[in-house]
Protein backbone atom coordinates (compact mmCIF):
# COMPACT_ATOMS: atom_id res chain seq x y z
CA LEU A 1 18.46 -25.91 -2.10
CA THR A 2 16.55 -27.13 -5.11
CA LEU A 3 18.53 -27.54 -8.31
CA GLY A 4 17.08 -27.13 -11.77
CA PHE A 5 17.83 -30.82 -12.43
CA GLU A 6 18.16 -34.13 -10.60
CA ALA A 7 21.66 -34.80 -9.29
CA LYS A 8 23.44 -38.08 -9.96
CA ALA A 9 22.84 -40.41 -7.02
CA ASP A 10 26.51 -40.91 -6.10
CA SER A 11 27.65 -37.37 -6.91
CA LYS A 12 29.24 -35.03 -4.41
CA PRO A 13 27.96 -31.52 -5.17
CA LYS A 14 29.97 -28.53 -3.98
CA ALA A 15 28.74 -25.10 -2.98
CA GLU A 16 30.91 -21.99 -3.15
CA ILE A 17 30.21 -18.65 -1.52
CA GLY A 18 33.12 -16.28 -1.98
CA ASN A 19 36.21 -18.18 -0.82
CA ALA A 20 34.22 -20.70 1.25
CA THR A 21 33.49 -24.17 -0.14
CA PHE A 22 30.95 -26.62 1.29
CA ASP A 23 30.43 -30.31 0.55
CA MET A 24 26.80 -31.01 -0.21
CA GLY A 25 24.60 -34.09 -0.05
CA ALA A 26 22.07 -34.74 -2.81
CA LYS A 27 18.90 -36.68 -3.47
CA GLY A 28 16.97 -35.94 -6.63
CA ALA A 29 17.01 -32.19 -7.19
CA GLN A 30 17.52 -31.44 -3.47
CA VAL A 31 20.95 -30.59 -2.05
CA TRP A 32 21.96 -29.68 1.49
CA VAL A 33 25.08 -29.08 3.56
CA GLU A 34 26.43 -32.59 4.05
CA ASN A 35 27.88 -31.92 7.51
CA ALA A 36 25.17 -30.38 9.68
CA ALA A 37 27.84 -28.88 11.97
CA LYS A 38 28.86 -26.62 9.05
CA GLU A 39 25.36 -25.22 8.52
CA PRO A 40 25.99 -22.13 10.71
CA ALA A 41 29.09 -21.31 8.62
CA PHE A 42 27.06 -21.83 5.44
CA VAL A 43 24.33 -19.45 6.64
CA ALA A 44 26.94 -16.89 7.77
CA ALA A 45 28.60 -17.07 4.34
CA MET A 46 25.21 -16.64 2.66
CA ARG A 47 24.55 -13.51 4.74
CA LYS A 48 27.85 -11.94 3.62
CA GLY A 49 28.15 -13.33 0.08
CA LYS A 50 26.98 -11.97 -3.24
CA SER A 51 26.31 -15.30 -4.93
CA LEU A 52 26.07 -19.00 -4.22
CA VAL A 53 27.48 -21.34 -6.87
CA VAL A 54 26.50 -25.01 -6.75
CA LYS A 55 28.32 -27.52 -8.96
CA ALA A 56 26.73 -30.95 -9.30
CA ALA A 57 26.64 -33.83 -11.74
CA SER A 58 23.30 -34.54 -13.39
CA GLN A 59 21.92 -38.05 -13.72
CA ARG A 60 23.59 -38.19 -17.15
CA GLY A 61 26.93 -37.30 -15.55
CA ASN A 62 27.16 -33.77 -16.94
CA VAL A 63 28.63 -31.37 -14.39
CA THR A 64 26.29 -28.41 -14.17
CA THR A 65 26.71 -25.10 -12.38
CA ASP A 66 23.77 -23.23 -10.84
CA THR A 67 24.31 -19.70 -9.55
CA TYR A 68 21.99 -18.04 -7.05
CA ALA A 69 22.03 -14.33 -6.16
CA LEU A 70 22.18 -13.75 -2.40
CA ALA A 71 20.90 -10.16 -2.37
CA GLY A 72 18.39 -9.85 0.47
CA VAL A 73 19.16 -13.23 2.04
CA ASP A 74 20.27 -11.60 5.30
CA LYS A 75 16.93 -9.78 5.63
CA ALA A 76 14.98 -12.93 4.73
CA ILE A 77 16.83 -14.96 7.38
CA ASP A 78 16.18 -12.25 9.98
CA ARG A 79 12.48 -12.20 9.08
CA ILE A 80 12.23 -16.00 9.35
CA ALA A 81 13.87 -15.87 12.79
CA LYS A 82 11.41 -13.18 13.88
CA GLU A 83 8.29 -14.93 12.53
CA CYS A 84 9.28 -18.50 13.48
CA PRO A 85 11.03 -18.25 16.88
């Protein structure tokens, strides 16, 4: 994911989709699922969820929340799988 700001270097962003919470890694404005083994669960949660909420500290230390709508993500993932086997 790309945040709208650069995350603090030693921060530990969190992602929430419904009741599921995921620890994220960060470098600059980029965040990703910290534990690659949890990526399938993250994608499954994205397919079923309505929104993805990412909480991360900015370089100034302000905790910021970004919310992403997940409408259509399931179709986009299916299309990617079809076009990029």
